[in-house]
Full PDB file with SEQRES, HELIX, SHEET, SSBOND, CRYST1, ORIGX, SCALE, CONECT and MASTER records, all heavy atoms in Angstrom:
SEQRES   1 A   35  VAL ASN LEU ASN ASN MET LEU CYS PRO ALA VAL SER ASP          
SEQRES   2 A   35  PRO PHE TYR GLY ARG TRP TYR ARG ILE TRP ALA SER GLY          
SEQRES   3 A   35  HIS GLN THR VAL MET THR MET THR HIS                          
HELIX    1 AA1 LEU A    3  ASN A    5  5                                   3    
HELIX    2 AA2 TYR A   20  THR A   34  1                                  15    
CRYST1    1.000    1.000    1.000  90.00  90.00  90.00 P 1           1          
ORIGX1      1.000000  0.000000  0.000000        0.00000                         
ORIGX2      0.000000  1.000000  0.000000        0.00000                         
ORIGX3      0.000000  0.000000  1.000000        0.00000                         
SCALE1      1.000000  0.000000  0.000000        0.00000                         
SCALE2      0.000000  1.000000  0.000000        0.00000                         
SCALE3      0.000000  0.000000  1.000000        0.00000                         
ATOM      1  N   VAL A   1       0.858  -1.176   0.000  1.00  0.00           N  
ATOM      2  CA  VAL A   1       0.000   0.000   0.000  1.00  0.00           C  
ATOM      3  C   VAL A   1       0.899   1.231   0.000  1.00  0.00           C  
ATOM      4  O   VAL A   1       1.816   1.338   0.819  1.00  0.00           O  
ATOM      5  CB  VAL A   1      -0.940   0.021   1.225  1.00  0.00           C  
ATOM      6  CG1 VAL A   1      -1.753   1.310   1.248  1.00  0.00           C  
ATOM      7  CG2 VAL A   1      -1.859  -1.187   1.203  1.00  0.00           C  
ATOM      8  N   ASN A   2       0.652   2.142  -0.906  1.00  0.00           N  
ATOM      9  CA  ASN A   2       1.523   3.301  -1.098  1.00  0.00           C  
ATOM     10  C   ASN A   2       1.226   4.381  -0.057  1.00  0.00           C  
ATOM     11  O   ASN A   2       0.590   5.402  -0.355  1.00  0.00           O  
ATOM     12  CB  ASN A   2       1.336   3.860  -2.508  1.00  0.00           C  
ATOM     13  CG  ASN A   2       2.402   4.866  -2.870  1.00  0.00           C  
ATOM     14  OD1 ASN A   2       3.485   4.885  -2.292  1.00  0.00           O  
ATOM     15  ND2 ASN A   2       2.093   5.716  -3.831  1.00  0.00           N  
ATOM     16  N   LEU A   3       1.702   4.143   1.165  1.00  0.00           N  
ATOM     17  CA  LEU A   3       1.446   5.082   2.261  1.00  0.00           C  
ATOM     18  C   LEU A   3       2.237   6.362   2.059  1.00  0.00           C  
ATOM     19  O   LEU A   3       3.461   6.364   2.072  1.00  0.00           O  
ATOM     20  CB  LEU A   3       1.815   4.426   3.596  1.00  0.00           C  
ATOM     21  CG  LEU A   3       0.948   3.239   4.017  1.00  0.00           C  
ATOM     22  CD1 LEU A   3       1.524   2.574   5.260  1.00  0.00           C  
ATOM     23  CD2 LEU A   3      -0.486   3.679   4.271  1.00  0.00           C  
ATOM     24  N   ASN A   4       1.501   7.449   1.883  1.00  0.00           N  
ATOM     25  CA  ASN A   4       2.088   8.778   1.677  1.00  0.00           C  
ATOM     26  C   ASN A   4       3.169   8.763   0.601  1.00  0.00           C  
ATOM     27  O   ASN A   4       4.181   9.454   0.700  1.00  0.00           O  
ATOM     28  CB  ASN A   4       2.649   9.341   2.980  1.00  0.00           C  
ATOM     29  CG  ASN A   4       2.421  10.839   3.081  1.00  0.00           C  
ATOM     30  OD1 ASN A   4       1.418  11.356   2.614  1.00  0.00           O  
ATOM     31  ND2 ASN A   4       3.342  11.553   3.699  1.00  0.00           N  
ATOM     32  N   ASN A   5       2.930   7.951  -0.441  1.00  0.00           N  
ATOM     33  CA  ASN A   5       3.805   7.890  -1.623  1.00  0.00           C  
ATOM     34  C   ASN A   5       5.243   7.486  -1.288  1.00  0.00           C  
ATOM     35  O   ASN A   5       6.188   7.994  -1.890  1.00  0.00           O  
ATOM     36  CB  ASN A   5       3.804   9.240  -2.352  1.00  0.00           C  
ATOM     37  CG  ASN A   5       2.440   9.643  -2.841  1.00  0.00           C  
ATOM     38  OD1 ASN A   5       1.717   8.849  -3.423  1.00  0.00           O  
ATOM     39  ND2 ASN A   5       2.060  10.882  -2.577  1.00  0.00           N  
ATOM     40  N   MET A   6       5.393   6.580  -0.340  1.00  0.00           N  
ATOM     41  CA  MET A   6       6.731   6.090  -0.009  1.00  0.00           C  
ATOM     42  C   MET A   6       7.166   4.947  -0.931  1.00  0.00           C  
ATOM     43  O   MET A   6       8.350   4.615  -0.982  1.00  0.00           O  
ATOM     44  CB  MET A   6       6.783   5.630   1.448  1.00  0.00           C  
ATOM     45  CG  MET A   6       6.797   6.758   2.446  1.00  0.00           C  
ATOM     46  SD  MET A   6       8.143   7.936   2.193  1.00  0.00           S  
ATOM     47  CE  MET A   6       9.584   6.927   2.523  1.00  0.00           C  
ATOM     48  N   LEU A   7       6.242   4.339  -1.646  1.00  0.00           N  
ATOM     49  CA  LEU A   7       6.595   3.256  -2.568  1.00  0.00           C  
ATOM     50  C   LEU A   7       6.788   3.767  -3.990  1.00  0.00           C  
ATOM     51  O   LEU A   7       7.727   3.367  -4.675  1.00  0.00           O  
ATOM     52  CB  LEU A   7       5.515   2.167  -2.554  1.00  0.00           C  
ATOM     53  CG  LEU A   7       5.273   1.458  -1.220  1.00  0.00           C  
ATOM     54  CD1 LEU A   7       4.285   0.319  -1.414  1.00  0.00           C  
ATOM     55  CD2 LEU A   7       6.581   0.939  -0.631  1.00  0.00           C  
ATOM     56  N   CYS A   8       5.892   4.624  -4.431  1.00  0.00           N  
ATOM     57  CA  CYS A   8       5.977   5.177  -5.778  1.00  0.00           C  
ATOM     58  C   CYS A   8       5.359   6.564  -5.775  1.00  0.00           C  
ATOM     59  O   CYS A   8       4.557   6.888  -4.893  1.00  0.00           O  
ATOM     60  CB  CYS A   8       5.281   4.266  -6.792  1.00  0.00           C  
ATOM     61  SG  CYS A   8       3.499   4.057  -6.508  1.00  0.00           S  
ATOM     62  N   PRO A   9       5.721   7.410  -6.745  1.00  0.00           N  
ATOM     63  CA  PRO A   9       5.212   8.787  -6.742  1.00  0.00           C  
ATOM     64  C   PRO A   9       3.754   8.858  -7.154  1.00  0.00           C  
ATOM     65  O   PRO A   9       3.217   7.970  -7.823  1.00  0.00           O  
ATOM     66  CB  PRO A   9       6.110   9.490  -7.769  1.00  0.00           C  
ATOM     67  CG  PRO A   9       6.546   8.402  -8.685  1.00  0.00           C  
ATOM     68  CD  PRO A   9       6.668   7.173  -7.849  1.00  0.00           C  
ATOM     69  N   ALA A  10       3.105   9.928  -6.747  1.00  0.00           N  
ATOM     70  CA  ALA A  10       1.743  10.182  -7.189  1.00  0.00           C  
ATOM     71  C   ALA A  10       1.737  10.523  -8.673  1.00  0.00           C  
ATOM     72  O   ALA A  10       2.737  11.002  -9.222  1.00  0.00           O  
ATOM     73  CB  ALA A  10       1.129  11.331  -6.385  1.00  0.00           C  
ATOM     74  N   VAL A  11       0.615  10.246  -9.316  1.00  0.00           N  
ATOM     75  CA  VAL A  11       0.513  10.514 -10.747  1.00  0.00           C  
ATOM     76  C   VAL A  11       0.735  11.995 -11.041  1.00  0.00           C  
ATOM     77  O   VAL A  11       1.323  12.365 -12.062  1.00  0.00           O  
ATOM     78  CB  VAL A  11      -0.860  10.047 -11.273  1.00  0.00           C  
ATOM     79  CG1 VAL A  11      -1.000  10.351 -12.759  1.00  0.00           C  
ATOM     80  CG2 VAL A  11      -1.061   8.569 -11.015  1.00  0.00           C  
ATOM     81  N   SER A  12       0.272  12.857 -10.138  1.00  0.00           N  
ATOM     82  CA  SER A  12       0.371  14.305 -10.345  1.00  0.00           C  
ATOM     83  C   SER A  12       1.667  14.904  -9.810  1.00  0.00           C  
ATOM     84  O   SER A  12       1.824  16.130  -9.825  1.00  0.00           O  
ATOM     85  CB  SER A  12      -0.817  14.997  -9.661  1.00  0.00           C  
ATOM     86  OG  SER A  12      -0.840  14.689  -8.268  1.00  0.00           O  
ATOM     87  N   ASP A  13       2.589  14.079  -9.357  1.00  0.00           N  
ATOM     88  CA  ASP A  13       3.844  14.576  -8.788  1.00  0.00           C  
ATOM     89  C   ASP A  13       4.658  15.278  -9.876  1.00  0.00           C  
ATOM     90  O   ASP A  13       5.022  14.668 -10.885  1.00  0.00           O  
ATOM     91  CB  ASP A  13       4.650  13.415  -8.209  1.00  0.00           C  
ATOM     92  CG  ASP A  13       5.803  13.889  -7.339  1.00  0.00           C  
ATOM     93  OD1 ASP A  13       6.273  15.036  -7.524  1.00  0.00           O  
ATOM     94  OD2 ASP A  13       6.250  13.115  -6.475  1.00  0.00           O  
ATOM     95  N   PRO A  14       4.973  16.575  -9.699  1.00  0.00           N  
ATOM     96  CA  PRO A  14       5.772  17.281 -10.715  1.00  0.00           C  
ATOM     97  C   PRO A  14       7.203  16.765 -10.810  1.00  0.00           C  
ATOM     98  O   PRO A  14       7.878  17.024 -11.809  1.00  0.00           O  
ATOM     99  CB  PRO A  14       5.737  18.741 -10.238  1.00  0.00           C  
ATOM    100  CG  PRO A  14       5.472  18.654  -8.771  1.00  0.00           C  
ATOM    101  CD  PRO A  14       4.601  17.449  -8.580  1.00  0.00           C  
ATOM    102  N   PHE A  15       7.663  16.041  -9.796  1.00  0.00           N  
ATOM    103  CA  PHE A  15       9.015  15.482  -9.795  1.00  0.00           C  
ATOM    104  C   PHE A  15       8.986  13.969 -10.028  1.00  0.00           C  
ATOM    105  O   PHE A  15       9.836  13.240  -9.524  1.00  0.00           O  
ATOM    106  CB  PHE A  15       9.717  15.790  -8.471  1.00  0.00           C  
ATOM    107  CG  PHE A  15       9.803  17.260  -8.161  1.00  0.00           C  
ATOM    108  CD1 PHE A  15       8.942  17.835  -7.234  1.00  0.00           C  
ATOM    109  CD2 PHE A  15      10.730  18.069  -8.796  1.00  0.00           C  
ATOM    110  CE1 PHE A  15       9.014  19.186  -6.937  1.00  0.00           C  
ATOM    111  CE2 PHE A  15      10.802  19.416  -8.511  1.00  0.00           C  
ATOM    112  CZ  PHE A  15       9.950  19.980  -7.582  1.00  0.00           C  
ATOM    113  N   TYR A  16       7.999  13.521 -10.796  1.00  0.00           N  
ATOM    114  CA  TYR A  16       7.832  12.091 -11.074  1.00  0.00           C  
ATOM    115  C   TYR A  16       9.122  11.526 -11.670  1.00  0.00           C  
ATOM    116  O   TYR A  16       9.661  12.049 -12.633  1.00  0.00           O  
ATOM    117  CB  TYR A  16       6.669  11.892 -12.039  1.00  0.00           C  
ATOM    118  CG  TYR A  16       6.224  10.450 -12.176  1.00  0.00           C  
ATOM    119  CD1 TYR A  16       5.152   9.973 -11.440  1.00  0.00           C  
ATOM    120  CD2 TYR A  16       6.875   9.580 -13.037  1.00  0.00           C  
ATOM    121  CE1 TYR A  16       4.730   8.660 -11.552  1.00  0.00           C  
ATOM    122  CE2 TYR A  16       6.464   8.268 -13.154  1.00  0.00           C  
ATOM    123  CZ  TYR A  16       5.395   7.811 -12.418  1.00  0.00           C  
ATOM    124  OH  TYR A  16       4.994   6.509 -12.528  1.00  0.00           O  
ATOM    125  N   GLY A  17       9.588  10.440 -11.076  1.00  0.00           N  
ATOM    126  CA  GLY A  17      10.823   9.805 -11.523  1.00  0.00           C  
ATOM    127  C   GLY A  17      11.491   9.086 -10.373  1.00  0.00           C  
ATOM    128  O   GLY A  17      10.994   9.072  -9.244  1.00  0.00           O  
ATOM    129  N   ARG A  18      12.644   8.501 -10.632  1.00  0.00           N  
ATOM    130  CA  ARG A  18      13.296   7.684  -9.609  1.00  0.00           C  
ATOM    131  C   ARG A  18      13.832   8.514  -8.440  1.00  0.00           C  
ATOM    132  O   ARG A  18      14.089   7.973  -7.365  1.00  0.00           O  
ATOM    133  CB  ARG A  18      14.434   6.874 -10.222  1.00  0.00           C  
ATOM    134  CG  ARG A  18      15.523   7.687 -10.857  1.00  0.00           C  
ATOM    135  CD  ARG A  18      16.652   6.821 -11.355  1.00  0.00           C  
ATOM    136  NE  ARG A  18      17.274   6.080 -10.272  1.00  0.00           N  
ATOM    137  CZ  ARG A  18      18.432   5.412 -10.419  1.00  0.00           C  
ATOM    138  NH1 ARG A  18      19.055   5.415 -11.588  1.00  0.00           N  
ATOM    139  NH2 ARG A  18      18.942   4.774  -9.389  1.00  0.00           N  
ATOM    140  N   TRP A  19      14.004   9.816  -8.618  1.00  0.00           N  
ATOM    141  CA  TRP A  19      14.529  10.660  -7.544  1.00  0.00           C  
ATOM    142  C   TRP A  19      13.423  11.449  -6.849  1.00  0.00           C  
ATOM    143  O   TRP A  19      13.692  12.428  -6.164  1.00  0.00           O  
ATOM    144  CB  TRP A  19      15.576  11.630  -8.096  1.00  0.00           C  
ATOM    145  CG  TRP A  19      16.662  10.964  -8.871  1.00  0.00           C  
ATOM    146  CD1 TRP A  19      16.892  11.067 -10.209  1.00  0.00           C  
ATOM    147  CD2 TRP A  19      17.667  10.088  -8.363  1.00  0.00           C  
ATOM    148  NE1 TRP A  19      17.980  10.318 -10.575  1.00  0.00           N  
ATOM    149  CE2 TRP A  19      18.481   9.699  -9.454  1.00  0.00           C  
ATOM    150  CE3 TRP A  19      17.969   9.590  -7.085  1.00  0.00           C  
ATOM    151  CZ2 TRP A  19      19.560   8.827  -9.312  1.00  0.00           C  
ATOM    152  CZ3 TRP A  19      19.048   8.716  -6.946  1.00  0.00           C  
ATOM    153  CH2 TRP A  19      19.818   8.350  -8.044  1.00  0.00           C  
ATOM    154  N   TYR A  20      12.191  11.035  -7.002  1.00  0.00           N  
ATOM    155  CA  TYR A  20      11.071  11.825  -6.471  1.00  0.00           C  
ATOM    156  C   TYR A  20      11.126  11.949  -4.955  1.00  0.00           C  
ATOM    157  O   TYR A  20      10.709  12.972  -4.394  1.00  0.00           O  
ATOM    158  CB  TYR A  20       9.739  11.197  -6.909  1.00  0.00           C  
ATOM    159  CG  TYR A  20       9.283  10.021  -6.085  1.00  0.00           C  
ATOM    160  CD1 TYR A  20       8.347  10.185  -5.065  1.00  0.00           C  
ATOM    161  CD2 TYR A  20       9.781   8.749  -6.315  1.00  0.00           C  
ATOM    162  CE1 TYR A  20       7.918   9.106  -4.308  1.00  0.00           C  
ATOM    163  CE2 TYR A  20       9.361   7.665  -5.571  1.00  0.00           C  
ATOM    164  CZ  TYR A  20       8.433   7.847  -4.568  1.00  0.00           C  
ATOM    165  OH  TYR A  20       8.029   6.769  -3.802  1.00  0.00           O  
ATOM    166  N   ARG A  21      11.636  10.937  -4.248  1.00  0.00           N  
ATOM    167  CA  ARG A  21      11.662  11.010  -2.777  1.00  0.00           C  
ATOM    168  C   ARG A  21      12.702  12.020  -2.292  1.00  0.00           C  
ATOM    169  O   ARG A  21      12.510  12.660  -1.246  1.00  0.00           O  
ATOM    170  CB  ARG A  21      11.942   9.633  -2.183  1.00  0.00           C  
ATOM    171  CG  ARG A  21      10.897   8.596  -2.540  1.00  0.00           C  
ATOM    172  CD  ARG A  21      10.820   7.468  -1.559  1.00  0.00           C  
ATOM    173  NE  ARG A  21      12.081   6.775  -1.352  1.00  0.00           N  
ATOM    174  CZ  ARG A  21      12.220   5.708  -0.542  1.00  0.00           C  
ATOM    175  NH1 ARG A  21      11.171   5.239   0.114  1.00  0.00           N  
ATOM    176  NH2 ARG A  21      13.388   5.123  -0.400  1.00  0.00           N  
ATOM    177  N   ILE A  22      13.784  12.164  -3.036  1.00  0.00           N  
ATOM    178  CA  ILE A  22      14.788  13.165  -2.662  1.00  0.00           C  
ATOM    179  C   ILE A  22      14.225  14.569  -2.872  1.00  0.00           C  
ATOM    180  O   ILE A  22      14.395  15.458  -2.026  1.00  0.00           O  
ATOM    181  CB  ILE A  22      16.068  12.952  -3.489  1.00  0.00           C  
ATOM    182  CG1 ILE A  22      16.699  11.597  -3.127  1.00  0.00           C  
ATOM    183  CG2 ILE A  22      17.057  14.087  -3.251  1.00  0.00           C  
ATOM    184  CD1 ILE A  22      17.947  11.273  -3.898  1.00  0.00           C  
ATOM    185  N   TRP A  23      13.542  14.774  -4.010  1.00  0.00           N  
ATOM    186  CA  TRP A  23      12.897  16.065  -4.245  1.00  0.00           C  
ATOM    187  C   TRP A  23      11.863  16.350  -3.162  1.00  0.00           C  
ATOM    188  O   TRP A  23      11.785  17.473  -2.645  1.00  0.00           O  
ATOM    189  CB  TRP A  23      12.230  16.070  -5.621  1.00  0.00           C  
ATOM    190  CG  TRP A  23      13.161  16.277  -6.766  1.00  0.00           C  
ATOM    191  CD1 TRP A  23      13.595  15.340  -7.665  1.00  0.00           C  
ATOM    192  CD2 TRP A  23      13.801  17.500  -7.145  1.00  0.00           C  
ATOM    193  NE1 TRP A  23      14.453  15.892  -8.572  1.00  0.00           N  
ATOM    194  CE2 TRP A  23      14.594  17.230  -8.284  1.00  0.00           C  
ATOM    195  CE3 TRP A  23      13.768  18.800  -6.650  1.00  0.00           C  
ATOM    196  CZ2 TRP A  23      15.356  18.216  -8.930  1.00  0.00           C  
ATOM    197  CZ3 TRP A  23      14.526  19.784  -7.281  1.00  0.00           C  
ATOM    198  CH2 TRP A  23      15.302  19.482  -8.400  1.00  0.00           C  
ATOM    199  N   ALA A  24      11.054  15.341  -2.827  1.00  0.00           N  
ATOM    200  CA  ALA A  24      10.008  15.529  -1.815  1.00  0.00           C  
ATOM    201  C   ALA A  24      10.612  15.851  -0.453  1.00  0.00           C  
ATOM    202  O   ALA A  24      10.097  16.710   0.274  1.00  0.00           O  
ATOM    203  CB  ALA A  24       9.139  14.280  -1.726  1.00  0.00           C  
ATOM    204  N   SER A  25      11.686  15.173  -0.101  1.00  0.00           N  
ATOM    205  CA  SER A  25      12.334  15.452   1.183  1.00  0.00           C  
ATOM    206  C   SER A  25      12.848  16.877   1.234  1.00  0.00           C  
ATOM    207  O   SER A  25      12.802  17.531   2.286  1.00  0.00           O  
ATOM    208  CB  SER A  25      13.493  14.464   1.410  1.00  0.00           C  
ATOM    209  OG  SER A  25      13.029  13.132   1.448  1.00  0.00           O  
ATOM    210  N   GLY A  26      13.311  17.380   0.082  1.00  0.00           N  
ATOM    211  CA  GLY A  26      13.805  18.750   0.038  1.00  0.00           C  
ATOM    212  C   GLY A  26      12.708  19.779   0.176  1.00  0.00           C  
ATOM    213  O   GLY A  26      12.769  20.656   1.050  1.00  0.00           O  
ATOM    214  N   HIS A  27      11.664  19.660  -0.655  1.00  0.00           N  
ATOM    215  CA  HIS A  27      10.635  20.715  -0.595  1.00  0.00           C  
ATOM    216  C   HIS A  27       9.764  20.593   0.656  1.00  0.00           C  
ATOM    217  O   HIS A  27       9.247  21.589   1.156  1.00  0.00           O  
ATOM    218  CB  HIS A  27       9.790  20.768  -1.867  1.00  0.00           C  
ATOM    219  CG  HIS A  27       8.993  19.548  -2.189  1.00  0.00           C  
ATOM    220  ND1 HIS A  27       7.940  19.096  -1.415  1.00  0.00           N  
ATOM    221  CD2 HIS A  27       9.072  18.682  -3.241  1.00  0.00           C  
ATOM    222  CE1 HIS A  27       7.417  18.032  -1.965  1.00  0.00           C  
ATOM    223  NE2 HIS A  27       8.076  17.738  -3.061  1.00  0.00           N  
ATOM    224  N   GLN A  28       9.615  19.388   1.215  1.00  0.00           N  
ATOM    225  CA  GLN A  28       8.859  19.268   2.461  1.00  0.00           C  
ATOM    226  C   GLN A  28       9.653  19.790   3.658  1.00  0.00           C  
ATOM    227  O   GLN A  28       9.068  20.286   4.615  1.00  0.00           O  
ATOM    228  CB  GLN A  28       8.453  17.812   2.688  1.00  0.00           C  
ATOM    229  CG  GLN A  28       7.383  17.324   1.747  1.00  0.00           C  
ATOM    230  CD  GLN A  28       6.149  18.209   1.787  1.00  0.00           C  
ATOM    231  OE1 GLN A  28       5.543  18.422   2.834  1.00  0.00           O  
ATOM    232  NE2 GLN A  28       5.770  18.753   0.635  1.00  0.00           N  
ATOM    233  N   THR A  29      10.975  19.696   3.590  1.00  0.00           N  
ATOM    234  CA  THR A  29      11.802  20.296   4.640  1.00  0.00           C  
ATOM    235  C   THR A  29      11.641  21.808   4.635  1.00  0.00           C  
ATOM    236  O   THR A  29      11.472  22.439   5.687  1.00  0.00           O  
ATOM    237  CB  THR A  29      13.281  19.921   4.428  1.00  0.00           C  
ATOM    238  OG1 THR A  29      13.438  18.506   4.571  1.00  0.00           O  
ATOM    239  CG2 THR A  29      14.162  20.631   5.452  1.00  0.00           C  
ATOM    240  N   VAL A  30      11.675  22.400   3.443  1.00  0.00           N  
ATOM    241  CA  VAL A  30      11.497  23.848   3.332  1.00  0.00           C  
ATOM    242  C   VAL A  30      10.111  24.254   3.846  1.00  0.00           C  
ATOM    243  O   VAL A  30       9.969  25.237   4.590  1.00  0.00           O  
ATOM    244  CB  VAL A  30      11.691  24.302   1.875  1.00  0.00           C  
ATOM    245  CG1 VAL A  30      11.350  25.785   1.726  1.00  0.00           C  
ATOM    246  CG2 VAL A  30      13.120  24.044   1.426  1.00  0.00           C  
ATOM    247  N   MET A  31       9.087  23.481   3.471  1.00  0.00           N  
ATOM    248  CA  MET A  31       7.732  23.802   3.923  1.00  0.00           C  
ATOM    249  C   MET A  31       7.604  23.674   5.440  1.00  0.00           C  
ATOM    250  O   MET A  31       6.979  24.516   6.094  1.00  0.00           O  
ATOM    251  CB  MET A  31       6.734  22.882   3.236  1.00  0.00           C  
ATOM    252  CG  MET A  31       6.501  23.198   1.772  1.00  0.00           C  
ATOM    253  SD  MET A  31       5.775  24.835   1.538  1.00  0.00           S  
ATOM    254  CE  MET A  31       4.205  24.618   2.359  1.00  0.00           C  
ATOM    255  N   THR A  32       8.187  22.616   6.006  1.00  0.00           N  
ATOM    256  CA  THR A  32       8.099  22.421   7.453  1.00  0.00           C  
ATOM    257  C   THR A  32       8.815  23.534   8.204  1.00  0.00           C  
ATOM    258  O   THR A  32       8.336  24.005   9.250  1.00  0.00           O  
ATOM    259  CB  THR A  32       8.707  21.065   7.843  1.00  0.00           C  
ATOM    260  OG1 THR A  32       8.031  20.021   7.130  1.00  0.00           O  
ATOM    261  CG2 THR A  32       8.578  20.810   9.341  1.00  0.00           C  
ATOM    262  N   MET A  33       9.953  23.973   7.677  1.00  0.00           N  
ATOM    263  CA  MET A  33      10.741  24.997   8.350  1.00  0.00           C  
ATOM    264  C   MET A  33      10.099  26.383   8.252  1.00  0.00           C  
ATOM    265  O   MET A  33      10.307  27.229   9.125  1.00  0.00           O  
ATOM    266  CB  MET A  33      12.149  25.053   7.739  1.00  0.00           C  
ATOM    267  CG  MET A  33      12.946  23.765   7.880  1.00  0.00           C  
ATOM    268  SD  MET A  33      13.437  23.382   9.570  1.00  0.00           S  
ATOM    269  CE  MET A  33      14.763  24.544   9.791  1.00  0.00           C  
ATOM    270  N   THR A  34       9.324  26.634   7.207  1.00  0.00           N  
ATOM    271  CA  THR A  34       8.809  27.981   6.973  1.00  0.00           C  
ATOM    272  C   THR A  34       7.303  28.123   7.195  1.00  0.00           C  
ATOM    273  O   THR A  34       6.835  29.208   7.526  1.00  0.00           O  
ATOM    274  CB  THR A  34       9.119  28.429   5.528  1.00  0.00           C  
ATOM    275  OG1 THR A  34       8.523  27.502   4.595  1.00  0.00           O  
ATOM    276  CG2 THR A  34      10.624  28.460   5.302  1.00  0.00           C  
ATOM    277  N   HIS A  35       6.544  27.044   7.016  1.00  0.00           N  
ATOM    278  CA  HIS A  35       5.096  27.160   7.060  1.00  0.00           C  
ATOM    279  C   HIS A  35       4.595  27.632   8.420  1.00  0.00           C  
ATOM    280  O   HIS A  35       3.751  28.536   8.516  1.00  0.00           O  
ATOM    281  CB  HIS A  35       4.455  25.815   6.706  1.00  0.00           C  
ATOM    282  CG  HIS A  35       2.960  25.834   6.731  1.00  0.00           C  
ATOM    283  ND1 HIS A  35       2.237  25.370   7.811  1.00  0.00           N  
ATOM    284  CD2 HIS A  35       2.053  26.275   5.829  1.00  0.00           C  
ATOM    285  CE1 HIS A  35       0.957  25.516   7.559  1.00  0.00           C  
ATOM    286  NE2 HIS A  35       0.805  26.055   6.375  1.00  0.00           N  
TER     287      HIS A  35                                                      
MASTER        0    0    0    2    0    0    0    6  286    1    0    3          
END                                                                             
């Protein structure tokens, strides 16, 4: 089961590809630090 897209990216993910989790970790870190 793809819990929070940890297995594969969402269809609408703008960073769809094999490095999507690295991109997600980056932009979610920025969001967590600033939001």
